Amino acid sequence: MHVVLISTYELGRQPFGLASPAAWLRSAGNTVTCFDLSVDRLPENAWGTVGLIAFYLPMHTAARLAIPVIARVREIAPEAHLCCYGLYAPLNGSYLRELGIGTILGGEFEPGLVRLANELGTSRPISAAPVVSLERLRFLVPDRSDLASPERYSQLQVNGQSRLAGYTEASRGCKHMCRHCPVVPVYNGAFRVVQPEVVLEDIRRQVASGAEHITFGDPDFFNGPGHARRVMEALHREFPHLSFDATIKIEHLRNHRDLLPLLKETGCLFVTSAVESLDDAVLRKLDKGHTCADFVSVVREFRRLDLALAPTFIPFTPWTTLQSYRHLLTVLLDLDLVDAVSPVQLALRLLIPAGSLLLGLDDVQAVLRGYDAPALLHRWSHPVPEMDELAAAALKVAAGKGLRREIFARFWELANGERMPEVFDLMPRAAIPYLNEPWYC
């Protein structure tokens, strides 16, 4: 069976969600072609032998971008069976089937893709495979052989220099139930680890291709702290000069303070953490498991260890007030985090996808304005119209050009109606490591 795997967007990273199933499908005897449309164009010919075309939908942006591609693929490969897999596939299964998708796979999707390819290669009818599988897998080393080279993806920026960055995943799912998170409706509090030897071999091959830095793309690297420790220690033993970054909840950074020095010792340059809000009432609505005071404590501990924290936010929610937005800006300024926060993080609006736990809140139901299937989200309006106007204005500010501190000053003036106070001791931007892909959604 000739299988084509398509990714539209994965935050500027070489897609693990293509490389991993490619290894499984090839080991089962299939021919696999991978297209990452964030760096390549979809070819218009040579589709005649393709029996299965599968779209990887790990996030909202990727799913939105896939919709027109699905329509085009139906035109140029009308005989192929179409599949969508990844987090946003089961969340939007009904709409995707309307677009012509025959199979929806979520959770641990690799075996499902292999079974589907096997069934398509016979005269037997295609079985109704489970939409979401949480089976514990023995992973294969991802096969990145026909993906674009690391030079074409986002790179690490540190001290004014660029380094090639690789990407891998040491786990999937999450044991937490944050109400706004798209992982929750699919994994429902479960998480699955990728065996350390598989993670290390994947990194080993990327280093051989020139990677000098690795991003761990797990929903939360500390969901399994013992597993994370084993991966970090093995990585540092073999590649003592390799740096990395990971995503970790504020709650875990507080509860596993004993692992923070190990992050530093093993080469972690920065941690991304989905803080979401600095309003404790909003944090309770989102069921984030931390408070504003917890965030401040983590920032101070990171400063003590000389670790960088890259907080992300959803500043505009149905509960945001002008005062709480001003408070967010004030805390970031007071904590010297202005240059650590991408401007878009100060303009994002709460996304409510199909299946979101947020739909169980009465005050969310009260602001809903209907489900927009092509946009893959529930539309909502703030109870105070001026807050929606502020959100729209903030998005325009985020799209502006300039240094982060210059754009931050525009946010400040927008929210406060006056110029930002003069601050002279902000950390120089060049000293803060980051990947040059600003979106995180």
Protein backbone atom coordinates (compact mmCIF):
# COMPACT_ATOMS: atom_id res chain seq x y z
CA MET A 1 0.00 0.00 0.00
CA HIS A 2 1.28 3.46 -0.90
CA VAL A 3 0.47 5.80 2.01
CA VAL A 4 0.83 9.58 2.02
CA LEU A 5 1.10 11.39 5.37
CA ILE A 6 0.41 15.13 5.39
CA SER A 7 1.15 17.76 8.05
CA THR A 8 0.10 21.38 7.59
CA TYR A 9 1.67 22.97 10.67
CA GLU A 10 3.46 21.96 13.86
CA LEU A 11 4.85 25.14 15.38
CA GLY A 12 7.81 25.29 13.02
CA ARG A 13 9.01 21.83 14.05
CA GLN A 14 9.85 18.78 11.96
CA PRO A 15 6.67 16.76 12.58
CA PHE A 16 7.00 13.86 15.00
CA GLY A 17 3.43 13.07 13.95
CA LEU A 18 4.68 12.14 10.48
CA ALA A 19 7.99 10.54 11.43
CA SER A 20 6.54 8.14 14.02
CA PRO A 21 3.70 6.64 11.92
CA ALA A 22 6.03 6.55 8.89
CA ALA A 23 8.27 4.15 10.83
CA TRP A 24 5.30 1.95 11.79
CA LEU A 25 3.83 1.88 8.30
CA ARG A 26 7.16 1.14 6.61
CA SER A 27 7.95 -1.64 9.06
CA ALA A 28 4.63 -3.21 8.03
CA GLY A 29 5.70 -3.23 4.38
CA ASN A 30 4.00 -0.06 3.14
CA THR A 31 5.49 2.63 0.92
CA VAL A 32 5.22 5.98 2.69
CA THR A 33 5.59 9.52 1.39
CA CYS A 34 5.54 12.45 3.83
CA PHE A 35 4.56 16.01 2.96
CA ASP A 36 5.03 18.82 5.48
CA LEU A 37 3.13 21.68 3.90
CA SER A 38 4.64 24.22 6.28
CA VAL A 39 7.86 23.93 4.24
CA ASP A 40 6.80 22.17 1.00
CA ARG A 41 4.07 22.40 -1.60
CA LEU A 42 1.56 19.67 -2.27
CA PRO A 43 2.37 18.05 -5.65
CA GLU A 44 -0.35 18.02 -8.29
CA ASN A 45 0.53 14.68 -9.89
CA ALA A 46 1.83 11.17 -9.09
CA TRP A 47 -1.20 10.32 -6.93
CA GLY A 48 -2.39 7.40 -9.02
CA THR A 49 -0.86 4.65 -6.85
CA VAL A 50 -1.78 6.19 -3.49
CA GLY A 51 -4.31 4.11 -1.54
CA LEU A 52 -4.35 6.00 1.78
CA ILE A 53 -3.86 9.70 2.51
CA ALA A 54 -3.73 10.65 6.20
CA PHE A 55 -3.73 14.19 7.60
CA TYR A 56 -2.05 14.89 10.93
CA LEU A 57 -4.10 17.34 13.06
CA PRO A 58 -2.26 17.97 16.36
CA MET A 59 -3.70 21.44 17.03
CA HIS A 60 -6.33 23.95 15.97
CA THR A 61 -4.15 25.84 13.50
CA ALA A 62 -3.10 22.62 11.77
CA ALA A 63 -6.71 21.46 11.49
CA ARG A 64 -7.89 24.79 10.05
CA LEU A 65 -5.09 24.76 7.48
CA ALA A 66 -5.92 21.17 6.52
CA ILE A 67 -9.51 21.93 5.47
CA PRO A 68 -8.73 23.42 2.03
CA VAL A 69 -5.99 20.82 1.50
CA ILE A 70 -8.51 18.02 2.07
CA ALA A 71 -10.73 19.50 -0.62
CA ARG A 72 -7.81 19.71 -3.05
CA VAL A 73 -6.66 16.16 -2.33
CA ARG A 74 -10.16 14.85 -3.03
CA GLU A 75 -9.88 16.42 -6.48
CA ILE A 76 -6.42 15.12 -7.38
CA ALA A 77 -6.67 11.69 -5.69
CA PRO A 78 -10.39 10.77 -5.82
CA GLU A 79 -9.79 7.03 -5.40
CA ALA A 80 -7.69 7.29 -2.23
CA HIS A 81 -9.11 6.62 1.24
CA LEU A 82 -8.79 9.72 3.44
CA CYS A 83 -7.98 9.67 7.16
CA CYS A 84 -7.40 12.31 9.83
CA TYR A 85 -5.43 11.56 12.99
CA GLY A 86 -4.13 13.48 16.00
CA LEU A 87 -5.82 15.46 18.80
CA TYR A 88 -8.09 17.57 16.61
CA ALA A 89 -9.31 14.65 14.49
CA PRO A 90 -11.75 13.07 16.99
CA LEU A 91 -12.73 16.50 18.35
CA ASN A 92 -13.99 17.42 14.87
CA GLY A 93 -14.92 13.98 13.57
CA SER A 94 -18.44 14.82 12.38
CA TYR A 95 -17.36 17.83 10.34
CA LEU A 96 -14.33 16.01 8.90
CA ARG A 97 -16.56 13.17 7.70
CA GLU A 98 -18.70 15.75 5.92
CA LEU A 99 -15.53 16.81 4.09
CA GLY A 100 -14.97 13.26 2.86
CA ILE A 101 -12.75 11.82 5.58
CA GLY A 102 -13.37 8.08 5.88
CA THR A 103 -11.44 7.28 9.07
CA ILE A 104 -10.82 9.28 12.25
CA LEU A 105 -8.04 8.25 14.65
CA GLY A 106 -7.06 9.87 17.95
CA GLY A 107 -4.82 9.09 20.89
CA GLU A 108 -2.22 6.44 20.05
CA PHE A 109 -2.79 6.45 16.31
CA GLU A 110 0.14 4.45 14.88
CA PRO A 111 -1.39 0.94 15.14
CA GLY A 112 -4.69 2.26 13.78
CA LEU A 113 -2.94 3.61 10.68
CA VAL A 114 -1.18 0.29 10.13
CA ARG A 115 -4.45 -1.65 10.50
CA LEU A 116 -6.18 0.74 8.11
CA ALA A 117 -3.45 0.36 5.47
CA ASN A 118 -3.60 -3.44 5.81
CA GLU A 119 -7.39 -3.51 5.40
CA LEU A 120 -7.30 -1.19 2.40
CA GLY A 121 -4.87 -3.61 0.77
CA THR A 122 -7.44 -6.45 0.88
CA SER A 123 -10.95 -6.93 -0.38
CA ARG A 124 -12.31 -7.03 3.18
CA PRO A 125 -14.50 -4.13 4.34
CA ILE A 126 -12.78 -1.56 6.51
CA SER A 127 -13.43 -2.23 10.18
CA ALA A 128 -14.87 0.40 12.49
CA ALA A 129 -11.62 1.00 14.37
CA PRO A 130 -11.92 2.88 17.68
CA VAL A 131 -11.82 6.62 17.10
CA VAL A 132 -9.61 7.07 20.16
CA SER A 133 -7.10 4.45 21.28
CA LEU A 134 -5.20 4.72 24.55
CA GLU A 135 -3.36 1.41 24.26
CA ARG A 136 0.16 1.28 25.67
CA LEU A 137 2.58 1.05 22.78
CA ARG A 138 6.08 -0.19 22.29
CA PHE A 139 7.20 2.68 20.08
CA LEU A 140 9.46 2.48 17.05
CA VAL A 141 12.19 5.02 16.38
CA PRO A 142 10.67 7.76 14.20
CA ASP A 143 11.68 7.66 10.53
CA ARG A 144 12.56 11.18 9.39
CA SER A 145 14.24 10.09 6.15
CA ASP A 146 12.01 12.03 3.74
CA LEU A 147 11.26 15.07 5.89
CA ALA A 148 12.86 18.44 5.17
CA SER A 149 16.26 19.11 6.73
CA PRO A 150 16.50 20.84 10.14
CA GLU A 151 17.70 24.06 8.47
CA ARG A 152 14.18 24.62 7.14
CA TYR A 153 12.52 24.61 10.55
CA SER A 154 12.56 26.98 13.51
CA GLN A 155 15.93 27.55 15.13
CA LEU A 156 17.13 28.38 18.60
CA GLN A 157 18.15 32.00 19.11
CA VAL A 158 20.54 32.57 21.99
CA ASN A 159 23.13 35.28 22.61
CA GLY A 160 22.56 36.66 19.13
CA GLN A 161 23.34 33.32 17.45
CA SER A 162 21.22 30.65 15.75
CA ARG A 163 21.42 26.91 16.40
CA LEU A 164 19.72 24.09 14.53
CA ALA A 165 16.90 22.68 16.61
CA GLY A 166 15.46 19.17 16.60
CA TYR A 167 12.19 17.95 18.07
CA THR A 168 10.97 14.80 19.78
CA GLU A 169 8.31 13.60 22.21
CA ALA A 170 8.94 11.60 25.37
CA SER A 171 5.26 11.23 26.27
CA ARG A 172 1.71 11.88 25.07
CA GLY A 173 -1.49 12.83 26.81
CA CYS A 174 -1.73 14.42 30.23
CA LYS A 175 -2.89 13.31 33.66
CA HIS A 176 -4.45 16.70 34.37
CA MET A 177 -7.93 17.91 33.41
CA CYS A 178 -7.51 21.62 32.60
CA ARG A 179 -10.91 22.64 31.24
CA HIS A 180 -9.69 24.53 28.19
CA CYS A 181 -7.11 21.99 27.01
CA PRO A 182 -7.80 19.95 23.83
CA VAL A 183 -5.75 17.05 25.20
CA VAL A 184 -8.34 16.36 27.90
CA PRO A 185 -11.35 15.28 25.77
CA VAL A 186 -9.11 12.77 23.96
CA TYR A 187 -6.92 11.37 26.75
CA ASN A 188 -9.28 11.99 29.70
CA GLY A 189 -6.45 12.15 32.25
CA ALA A 190 -4.25 9.41 30.75
CA PHE A 191 -0.72 9.83 29.50
CA ARG A 192 1.58 7.42 27.69
CA VAL A 193 5.39 7.38 27.65
CA VAL A 194 7.71 6.84 24.74
CA GLN A 195 10.44 4.39 25.84
CA PRO A 196 13.68 6.23 26.79
CA GLU A 197 15.78 4.20 24.37
CA VAL A 198 13.48 5.25 21.52
CA VAL A 199 13.66 8.91 22.56
CA LEU A 200 17.46 8.75 22.74
CA GLU A 201 17.86 7.07 19.37
CA ASP A 202 15.56 9.66 17.79
CA ILE A 203 17.70 12.44 19.27
CA ARG A 204 20.89 10.66 18.28
CA ARG A 205 19.82 10.64 14.63
CA GLN A 206 18.83 14.30 14.72
CA VAL A 207 22.16 15.26 16.24
CA ALA A 208 23.84 13.38 13.40
CA SER A 209 21.84 15.61 11.04
CA GLY A 210 23.18 18.74 12.71
CA ALA A 211 20.77 19.44 15.58
CA GLU A 212 22.39 21.37 18.44
CA HIS A 213 19.23 21.79 20.52
CA ILE A 214 16.18 19.58 21.16
CA THR A 215 12.61 20.58 21.96
CA PHE A 216 10.60 18.06 23.96
CA GLY A 217 7.06 18.58 22.69
CA ASP A 218 5.23 16.60 25.39
CA PRO A 219 2.04 18.28 26.66
CA ASP A 220 3.85 18.19 30.00
CA PHE A 221 7.41 16.89 30.37
CA PHE A 222 6.93 16.31 34.12
CA ASN A 223 3.75 14.22 33.87
CA GLY A 224 6.06 11.33 34.59
CA PRO A 225 8.88 12.92 36.62
CA GLY A 226 10.84 9.68 36.93
CA HIS A 227 10.63 9.13 33.18
CA ALA A 228 11.72 12.73 32.55
CA ARG A 229 14.68 12.29 34.92
CA ARG A 230 15.85 9.16 33.10
CA VAL A 231 15.59 10.88 29.71
CA MET A 232 17.42 14.03 30.87
CA GLU A 233 20.25 12.12 32.53
CA ALA A 234 20.76 9.75 29.59
CA LEU A 235 20.66 12.67 27.15
CA HIS A 236 23.27 14.63 29.07
CA ARG A 237 25.58 11.63 29.49
CA GLU A 238 25.68 11.03 25.75
CA PHE A 239 25.50 14.65 24.55
CA PRO A 240 26.86 16.90 27.32
CA HIS A 241 26.91 19.96 25.05
CA LEU A 242 23.36 19.52 23.69
CA SER A 243 20.75 21.94 25.03
CA PHE A 244 17.00 21.39 25.24
CA ASP A 245 13.69 22.97 26.19
CA ALA A 246 10.42 21.48 27.44
CA THR A 247 6.85 22.38 28.37
CA ILE A 248 5.98 21.99 32.09
CA LYS A 249 3.01 23.12 34.19
CA ILE A 250 3.53 25.72 36.94
CA GLU A 251 1.96 23.15 39.29
CA HIS A 252 4.67 20.61 38.41
CA LEU A 253 7.44 23.17 38.65
CA ARG A 254 6.25 23.82 42.21
CA ASN A 255 5.65 20.20 43.19
CA HIS A 256 8.90 18.92 41.69
CA ARG A 257 11.24 21.68 42.78
CA ASP A 258 13.88 19.02 43.42
CA LEU A 259 14.12 18.43 39.65
CA LEU A 260 14.73 22.07 38.73
CA PRO A 261 18.49 21.96 39.39
CA LEU A 262 18.64 18.81 37.25
CA LEU A 263 16.99 20.71 34.39
CA LYS A 264 19.80 23.25 34.57
CA GLU A 265 22.56 20.66 34.99
CA THR A 266 21.46 18.58 32.01
CA GLY A 267 21.28 21.45 29.54
CA CYS A 268 17.75 22.89 29.72
CA LEU A 269 17.82 26.47 28.41
CA PHE A 270 14.19 27.38 28.99
CA VAL A 271 10.83 25.97 30.02
CA THR A 272 7.57 26.90 28.35
CA SER A 273 4.68 26.97 30.79
CA ALA A 274 1.02 27.57 29.97
CA VAL A 275 0.30 30.03 32.77
CA GLU A 276 -2.85 31.26 30.94
CA SER A 277 -3.86 33.94 33.46
CA LEU A 278 -2.67 35.82 36.56
CA ASP A 279 -6.23 36.17 37.85
CA ASP A 280 -6.86 33.46 40.45
CA ALA A 281 -10.59 33.41 39.70
CA VAL A 282 -9.91 32.67 36.01
CA LEU A 283 -7.32 30.04 36.94
CA ARG A 284 -9.97 28.28 39.02
CA LYS A 285 -12.40 28.39 36.08
CA LEU A 286 -9.75 26.79 33.88
CA ASP A 287 -8.82 24.31 36.63
CA LYS A 288 -5.12 25.04 36.11
CA GLY A 289 -3.94 23.88 39.52
CA HIS A 290 -1.84 26.95 40.31
CA THR A 291 -2.25 30.52 41.52
CA CYS A 292 -0.67 33.83 40.61
CA ALA A 293 1.50 33.51 43.73
CA ASP A 294 2.70 30.08 42.53
CA PHE A 295 3.73 31.64 39.21
CA VAL A 296 5.67 34.42 40.95
CA SER A 297 7.41 31.84 43.15
CA VAL A 298 8.46 29.79 40.10
CA VAL A 299 9.78 32.88 38.32
CA ARG A 300 11.96 33.70 41.32
CA GLU A 301 13.22 30.12 41.62
CA PHE A 302 14.10 30.07 37.94
CA ARG A 303 16.02 33.33 38.34
CA ARG A 304 17.96 31.82 41.24
CA LEU A 305 18.92 28.84 39.08
CA ASP A 306 19.62 30.97 35.98
CA LEU A 307 16.90 29.17 34.03
CA ALA A 308 14.64 31.00 31.59
CA LEU A 309 10.86 30.70 31.83
CA ALA A 310 8.73 31.30 28.74
CA PRO A 311 5.18 31.82 30.04
CA THR A 312 2.22 31.65 27.68
CA PHE A 313 -1.18 33.21 28.28
CA ILE A 314 -4.82 33.34 27.23
CA PRO A 315 -5.45 36.93 28.35
CA PHE A 316 -8.95 37.27 26.89
CA THR A 317 -11.60 35.00 28.41
CA PRO A 318 -15.27 35.51 29.33
CA TRP A 319 -14.04 36.44 32.83
CA THR A 320 -11.30 38.91 31.87
CA THR A 321 -11.78 42.45 33.15
CA LEU A 322 -9.91 45.58 32.23
CA GLN A 323 -8.42 45.50 35.73
CA SER A 324 -7.21 41.90 35.37
CA TYR A 325 -5.64 42.64 31.98
CA ARG A 326 -3.84 45.64 33.45
CA HIS A 327 -2.73 43.41 36.34
CA LEU A 328 -1.22 40.92 33.89
CA LEU A 329 0.83 43.63 32.21
CA THR A 330 1.91 45.10 35.56
CA VAL A 331 3.11 41.75 36.93
CA LEU A 332 5.08 40.98 33.76
CA LEU A 333 6.73 44.38 33.99
CA ASP A 334 7.48 44.04 37.71
CA LEU A 335 8.97 40.56 37.22
CA ASP A 336 11.16 41.69 34.30
CA LEU A 337 9.43 39.28 31.93
CA VAL A 338 8.58 41.74 29.16
CA ASP A 339 11.14 40.28 26.75
CA ALA A 340 10.36 36.69 27.75
CA VAL A 341 6.78 36.84 26.43
CA SER A 342 5.95 36.77 22.72
CA PRO A 343 3.58 39.67 21.88
CA VAL A 344 0.90 37.30 20.58
CA GLN A 345 0.61 35.85 24.08
CA LEU A 346 -0.85 39.16 25.23
CA ALA A 347 -3.60 39.08 22.60
CA LEU A 348 -4.90 35.51 22.44
CA ARG A 349 -8.59 34.85 22.96
CA LEU A 350 -9.94 31.72 24.63
CA LEU A 351 -10.55 28.95 22.10
CA ILE A 352 -13.49 26.64 22.83
CA PRO A 353 -13.29 23.58 20.55
CA ALA A 354 -15.86 20.83 20.23
CA GLY A 355 -15.85 18.57 23.28
CA SER A 356 -14.23 21.16 25.56
CA LEU A 357 -14.86 20.76 29.28
CA LEU A 358 -15.54 24.49 29.34
CA LEU A 359 -18.95 23.73 27.85
CA GLY A 360 -19.96 22.32 31.24
CA LEU A 361 -19.76 25.77 32.87
CA ASP A 362 -23.02 27.74 33.07
CA ASP A 363 -21.25 31.07 32.60
CA VAL A 364 -19.63 29.76 29.42
CA GLN A 365 -22.99 28.59 28.09
CA ALA A 366 -24.31 32.08 28.74
CA VAL A 367 -21.79 33.71 26.37
CA LEU A 368 -21.87 31.17 23.52
CA ARG A 369 -23.03 32.43 20.13
CA GLY A 370 -23.16 29.14 18.24
CA TYR A 371 -20.76 26.53 16.87
CA ASP A 372 -18.80 27.51 13.76
CA ALA A 373 -17.95 24.17 12.12
CA PRO A 374 -15.52 25.46 9.43
CA ALA A 375 -13.68 27.45 12.12
CA LEU A 376 -13.71 24.37 14.41
CA LEU A 377 -14.80 26.34 17.48
CA HIS A 378 -17.67 27.69 19.53
CA ARG A 379 -18.09 31.44 19.04
CA TRP A 380 -18.51 33.51 22.20
CA SER A 381 -18.91 37.16 23.15
CA HIS A 382 -17.71 38.83 26.32
CA PRO A 383 -20.51 40.06 28.64
CA VAL A 384 -18.87 43.49 28.42
CA PRO A 385 -18.60 44.45 24.72
CA GLU A 386 -15.70 46.79 25.41
CA MET A 387 -13.55 43.77 26.34
CA ASP A 388 -14.10 42.24 22.90
CA GLU A 389 -13.08 45.58 21.41
CA LEU A 390 -9.94 45.57 23.58
CA ALA A 391 -9.12 42.02 22.45
CA ALA A 392 -9.44 43.00 18.78
CA ALA A 393 -7.23 46.05 19.33
CA ALA A 394 -4.66 43.94 21.20
CA LEU A 395 -4.44 41.52 18.28
CA LYS A 396 -3.57 44.43 15.99
CA VAL A 397 -0.88 45.54 18.44
CA ALA A 398 0.57 42.01 18.52
CA ALA A 399 0.87 42.01 14.73
CA GLY A 400 2.98 45.17 14.80
CA LYS A 401 6.71 45.35 14.23
CA GLY A 402 9.38 46.26 16.74
CA LEU A 403 11.24 44.91 19.74
CA ARG A 404 9.16 43.00 22.27
CA ARG A 405 9.54 45.78 24.82
CA GLU A 406 8.37 48.34 22.25
CA ILE A 407 5.28 46.26 21.44
CA PHE A 408 4.67 45.69 25.15
CA ALA A 409 4.66 49.47 25.65
CA ARG A 410 1.86 49.68 23.06
CA PHE A 411 -0.15 47.06 24.97
CA TRP A 412 0.38 49.10 28.14
CA GLU A 413 -0.83 52.30 26.52
CA LEU A 414 -3.83 50.50 25.01
CA ALA A 415 -4.91 49.12 28.38
CA ASN A 416 -3.99 52.05 30.61
CA GLY A 417 -4.46 55.06 28.36
CA GLU A 418 -1.02 56.34 29.28
CA ARG A 419 2.63 55.70 28.53
CA MET A 420 4.44 52.88 30.26
CA PRO A 421 6.71 53.89 33.16
CA GLU A 422 10.39 54.13 32.27
CA VAL A 423 12.18 50.89 33.17
CA PHE A 424 15.95 50.64 32.80
CA ASP A 425 16.82 47.21 34.16
CA LEU A 426 14.96 44.92 31.77
CA MET A 427 16.94 41.81 30.88
CA PRO A 428 18.57 42.23 27.44
CA ARG A 429 16.59 40.31 24.80
CA ALA A 430 19.70 38.61 23.39
CA ALA A 431 20.26 36.89 26.74
CA ILE A 432 16.87 35.12 26.64
CA PRO A 433 16.89 31.88 24.60
CA TYR A 434 13.89 31.25 22.38
CA LEU A 435 12.79 29.48 19.20
CA ASN A 436 12.01 31.79 16.30
CA GLU A 437 8.45 30.49 15.88
CA PRO A 438 6.16 32.80 17.89
CA TRP A 439 2.83 30.97 17.73
CA TYR A 440 1.75 28.57 20.43
CA CYS A 441 -1.73 27.29 19.70
